[in-house]
């Protein structure tokens, strides 16, 4: 149960992961549990650690609008 609470804190809108558009949940239906949404990782982070092993700056391709996130 403690681990679940830690994960919920990481996905909270007040956490810097959400505020910096790095990691967030989306698609929770009304009345569904918080953790029922899709886990989203920014394309910038995915590219940085998968297709850009040189760690060169990557242009931001997609940055979600915070007002459109759950």
N, C-alpha and C. Protein backbone atom coordinates (compact mmCIF):
# COMPACT_ATOMS: atom_id res chain seq x y z
N UNK A 1 0.83 -1.20 0.00
CA UNK A 1 0.00 0.00 0.00
C UNK A 1 0.87 1.26 0.00
N UNK A 2 1.98 1.24 0.71
CA UNK A 2 2.86 2.41 0.73
C UNK A 2 3.44 2.69 -0.65
N UNK A 3 3.79 1.64 -1.37
CA UNK A 3 4.34 1.80 -2.72
C UNK A 3 3.30 2.45 -3.64
N UNK A 4 2.06 2.05 -3.49
CA UNK A 4 0.97 2.62 -4.28
C UNK A 4 0.85 4.12 -4.01
N UNK A 5 0.95 4.50 -2.75
CA UNK A 5 0.87 5.92 -2.39
C UNK A 5 2.02 6.71 -3.00
N UNK A 6 3.21 6.11 -3.03
CA UNK A 6 4.37 6.76 -3.64
C UNK A 6 4.14 6.98 -5.13
N UNK A 7 3.58 5.98 -5.79
CA UNK A 7 3.31 6.09 -7.23
C UNK A 7 2.26 7.16 -7.50
N UNK A 8 1.23 7.20 -6.68
CA UNK A 8 0.19 8.21 -6.85
C UNK A 8 0.78 9.61 -6.69
N UNK A 9 1.70 9.80 -5.76
CA UNK A 9 2.36 11.10 -5.58
C UNK A 9 3.15 11.48 -6.83
N UNK A 10 3.82 10.50 -7.44
CA UNK A 10 4.60 10.77 -8.66
C UNK A 10 3.72 11.21 -9.82
N UNK A 11 2.47 10.77 -9.83
CA UNK A 11 1.57 11.07 -10.94
C UNK A 11 0.61 12.21 -10.64
N UNK A 12 0.73 12.80 -9.47
CA UNK A 12 -0.14 13.91 -9.09
C UNK A 12 0.18 15.15 -9.92
N UNK A 13 -0.82 15.97 -10.17
CA UNK A 13 -0.62 17.19 -10.97
C UNK A 13 0.31 18.20 -10.31
N UNK A 14 0.55 18.07 -9.03
CA UNK A 14 1.47 18.99 -8.36
C UNK A 14 2.92 18.53 -8.47
N UNK A 15 3.15 17.31 -8.93
CA UNK A 15 4.51 16.78 -9.06
C UNK A 15 5.20 17.40 -10.27
N UNK A 16 6.50 17.58 -10.22
CA UNK A 16 7.22 18.22 -11.32
C UNK A 16 7.20 17.37 -12.59
N UNK A 17 7.00 16.06 -12.50
CA UNK A 17 6.87 15.24 -13.71
C UNK A 17 5.70 15.76 -14.55
N UNK A 18 4.58 16.02 -13.90
CA UNK A 18 3.39 16.52 -14.59
C UNK A 18 3.60 17.96 -15.05
N UNK A 19 4.11 18.78 -14.16
CA UNK A 19 4.27 20.20 -14.45
C UNK A 19 5.26 20.45 -15.59
N UNK A 20 6.24 19.58 -15.74
CA UNK A 20 7.22 19.73 -16.82
C UNK A 20 6.87 18.86 -18.04
N UNK A 21 5.67 18.27 -18.01
CA UNK A 21 5.17 17.46 -19.13
C UNK A 21 6.11 16.30 -19.45
N UNK A 22 6.55 15.61 -18.40
CA UNK A 22 7.43 14.47 -18.56
C UNK A 22 6.65 13.17 -18.47
N UNK A 23 5.82 13.05 -17.45
CA UNK A 23 5.08 11.82 -17.20
C UNK A 23 3.72 12.19 -16.62
N UNK A 24 2.65 11.59 -17.16
CA UNK A 24 1.31 11.90 -16.67
C UNK A 24 0.36 10.77 -17.03
N UNK A 25 -0.80 10.79 -16.39
CA UNK A 25 -1.88 9.86 -16.71
C UNK A 25 -2.93 10.61 -17.51
N UNK A 26 -3.52 9.93 -18.48
CA UNK A 26 -4.62 10.54 -19.21
C UNK A 26 -5.65 9.48 -19.56
N UNK A 27 -6.86 9.94 -19.81
CA UNK A 27 -7.90 9.05 -20.28
C UNK A 27 -8.71 8.36 -19.20
N UNK A 28 -8.62 8.83 -17.95
CA UNK A 28 -9.45 8.23 -16.91
C UNK A 28 -10.90 8.63 -17.16
N UNK A 29 -11.77 7.65 -17.17
CA UNK A 29 -13.20 7.93 -17.32
C UNK A 29 -13.75 8.46 -16.00
N UNK A 30 -14.79 9.25 -16.08
CA UNK A 30 -15.43 9.79 -14.88
C UNK A 30 -15.86 8.64 -13.97
N UNK A 31 -15.49 8.74 -12.73
CA UNK A 31 -15.86 7.71 -11.76
C UNK A 31 -14.90 6.54 -11.69
N UNK A 32 -13.91 6.50 -12.60
CA UNK A 32 -12.94 5.42 -12.59
C UNK A 32 -11.79 5.76 -11.65
N UNK A 33 -11.08 4.75 -11.14
CA UNK A 33 -9.95 5.02 -10.26
C UNK A 33 -8.87 5.85 -10.94
N UNK A 34 -8.16 6.64 -10.15
CA UNK A 34 -7.10 7.52 -10.65
C UNK A 34 -6.09 6.75 -11.50
N UNK A 35 -5.67 5.59 -11.06
CA UNK A 35 -4.63 4.84 -11.76
C UNK A 35 -5.16 4.03 -12.95
N UNK A 36 -6.41 4.23 -13.34
CA UNK A 36 -6.96 3.49 -14.48
C UNK A 36 -6.62 4.15 -15.82
N UNK A 37 -6.03 5.33 -15.79
CA UNK A 37 -5.69 6.03 -17.03
C UNK A 37 -4.46 5.46 -17.71
N UNK A 38 -4.18 5.97 -18.91
CA UNK A 38 -2.99 5.56 -19.67
C UNK A 38 -1.80 6.36 -19.16
N UNK A 39 -0.70 5.67 -18.94
CA UNK A 39 0.53 6.32 -18.52
C UNK A 39 1.21 6.89 -19.77
N UNK A 40 1.47 8.18 -19.76
CA UNK A 40 2.06 8.86 -20.91
C UNK A 40 3.45 9.38 -20.54
N UNK A 41 4.40 9.16 -21.43
CA UNK A 41 5.76 9.66 -21.28
C UNK A 41 6.03 10.58 -22.45
N UNK A 42 6.62 11.74 -22.20
CA UNK A 42 6.81 12.71 -23.28
C UNK A 42 7.69 12.14 -24.39
N UNK A 43 7.38 12.52 -25.61
CA UNK A 43 8.17 12.07 -26.76
C UNK A 43 9.62 12.54 -26.65
N UNK A 44 9.81 13.70 -26.05
CA UNK A 44 11.17 14.23 -25.88
C UNK A 44 12.01 13.29 -25.00
N UNK A 45 11.44 12.82 -23.92
CA UNK A 45 12.16 11.91 -23.03
C UNK A 45 12.40 10.57 -23.70
N UNK A 46 11.40 10.06 -24.41
CA UNK A 46 11.56 8.79 -25.12
C UNK A 46 12.71 8.90 -26.12
N UNK A 47 12.72 9.98 -26.89
CA UNK A 47 13.78 10.18 -27.88
C UNK A 47 15.15 10.31 -27.22
N UNK A 48 15.18 11.02 -26.12
CA UNK A 48 16.46 11.25 -25.45
C UNK A 48 17.12 9.94 -25.03
N UNK A 49 16.33 8.99 -24.59
CA UNK A 49 16.90 7.76 -24.06
C UNK A 49 16.82 6.57 -25.01
N UNK A 50 16.24 6.75 -26.18
CA UNK A 50 16.17 5.63 -27.11
C UNK A 50 16.85 5.91 -28.45
N UNK A 51 16.55 7.02 -29.08
CA UNK A 51 17.10 7.29 -30.41
C UNK A 51 18.22 8.32 -30.41
N UNK A 52 18.56 8.86 -29.24
CA UNK A 52 19.59 9.88 -29.17
C UNK A 52 20.62 9.53 -28.09
N UNK A 53 21.39 8.48 -28.30
CA UNK A 53 22.34 8.08 -27.27
C UNK A 53 23.48 9.08 -27.05
N UNK A 54 23.64 10.06 -27.94
CA UNK A 54 24.71 11.04 -27.80
C UNK A 54 24.35 12.17 -26.82
N UNK A 55 23.08 12.20 -26.38
CA UNK A 55 22.59 13.24 -25.47
C UNK A 55 22.67 14.64 -26.05
N UNK A 56 22.60 14.75 -27.38
CA UNK A 56 22.53 16.06 -28.01
C UNK A 56 21.13 16.64 -27.78
N UNK A 57 20.99 17.96 -27.77
CA UNK A 57 19.65 18.54 -27.58
C UNK A 57 18.68 18.04 -28.64
N UNK A 58 17.47 17.80 -28.21
CA UNK A 58 16.43 17.29 -29.10
C UNK A 58 15.33 18.35 -29.21
N UNK A 59 14.92 18.69 -30.43
CA UNK A 59 13.81 19.64 -30.54
C UNK A 59 12.53 19.01 -29.99
N UNK A 60 11.73 19.82 -29.33
CA UNK A 60 10.47 19.32 -28.79
C UNK A 60 9.49 19.15 -29.93
N UNK A 61 9.03 17.94 -30.12
CA UNK A 61 8.10 17.63 -31.20
C UNK A 61 6.67 17.83 -30.73
N UNK A 62 6.40 17.40 -29.51
CA UNK A 62 5.05 17.47 -28.97
C UNK A 62 5.12 17.83 -27.50
N UNK A 63 4.39 18.82 -27.10
CA UNK A 63 4.28 19.17 -25.69
C UNK A 63 2.80 19.39 -25.42
N UNK A 64 2.21 18.51 -24.60
CA UNK A 64 0.76 18.64 -24.35
C UNK A 64 0.41 19.95 -23.68
N UNK A 65 -0.74 20.45 -24.01
CA UNK A 65 -1.25 21.65 -23.36
C UNK A 65 -1.76 21.25 -21.98
N UNK A 66 -1.20 21.82 -20.89
CA UNK A 66 -1.61 21.42 -19.54
C UNK A 66 -3.10 21.55 -19.29
N UNK A 67 -3.76 22.48 -19.94
CA UNK A 67 -5.19 22.66 -19.72
C UNK A 67 -6.00 21.51 -20.34
N UNK A 68 -5.40 20.74 -21.21
CA UNK A 68 -6.09 19.62 -21.85
C UNK A 68 -5.80 18.30 -21.15
N UNK A 69 -4.87 18.30 -20.20
CA UNK A 69 -4.54 17.08 -19.47
C UNK A 69 -5.54 16.88 -18.34
N UNK A 70 -5.78 15.61 -17.98
CA UNK A 70 -6.75 15.34 -16.89
C UNK A 70 -6.29 15.89 -15.57
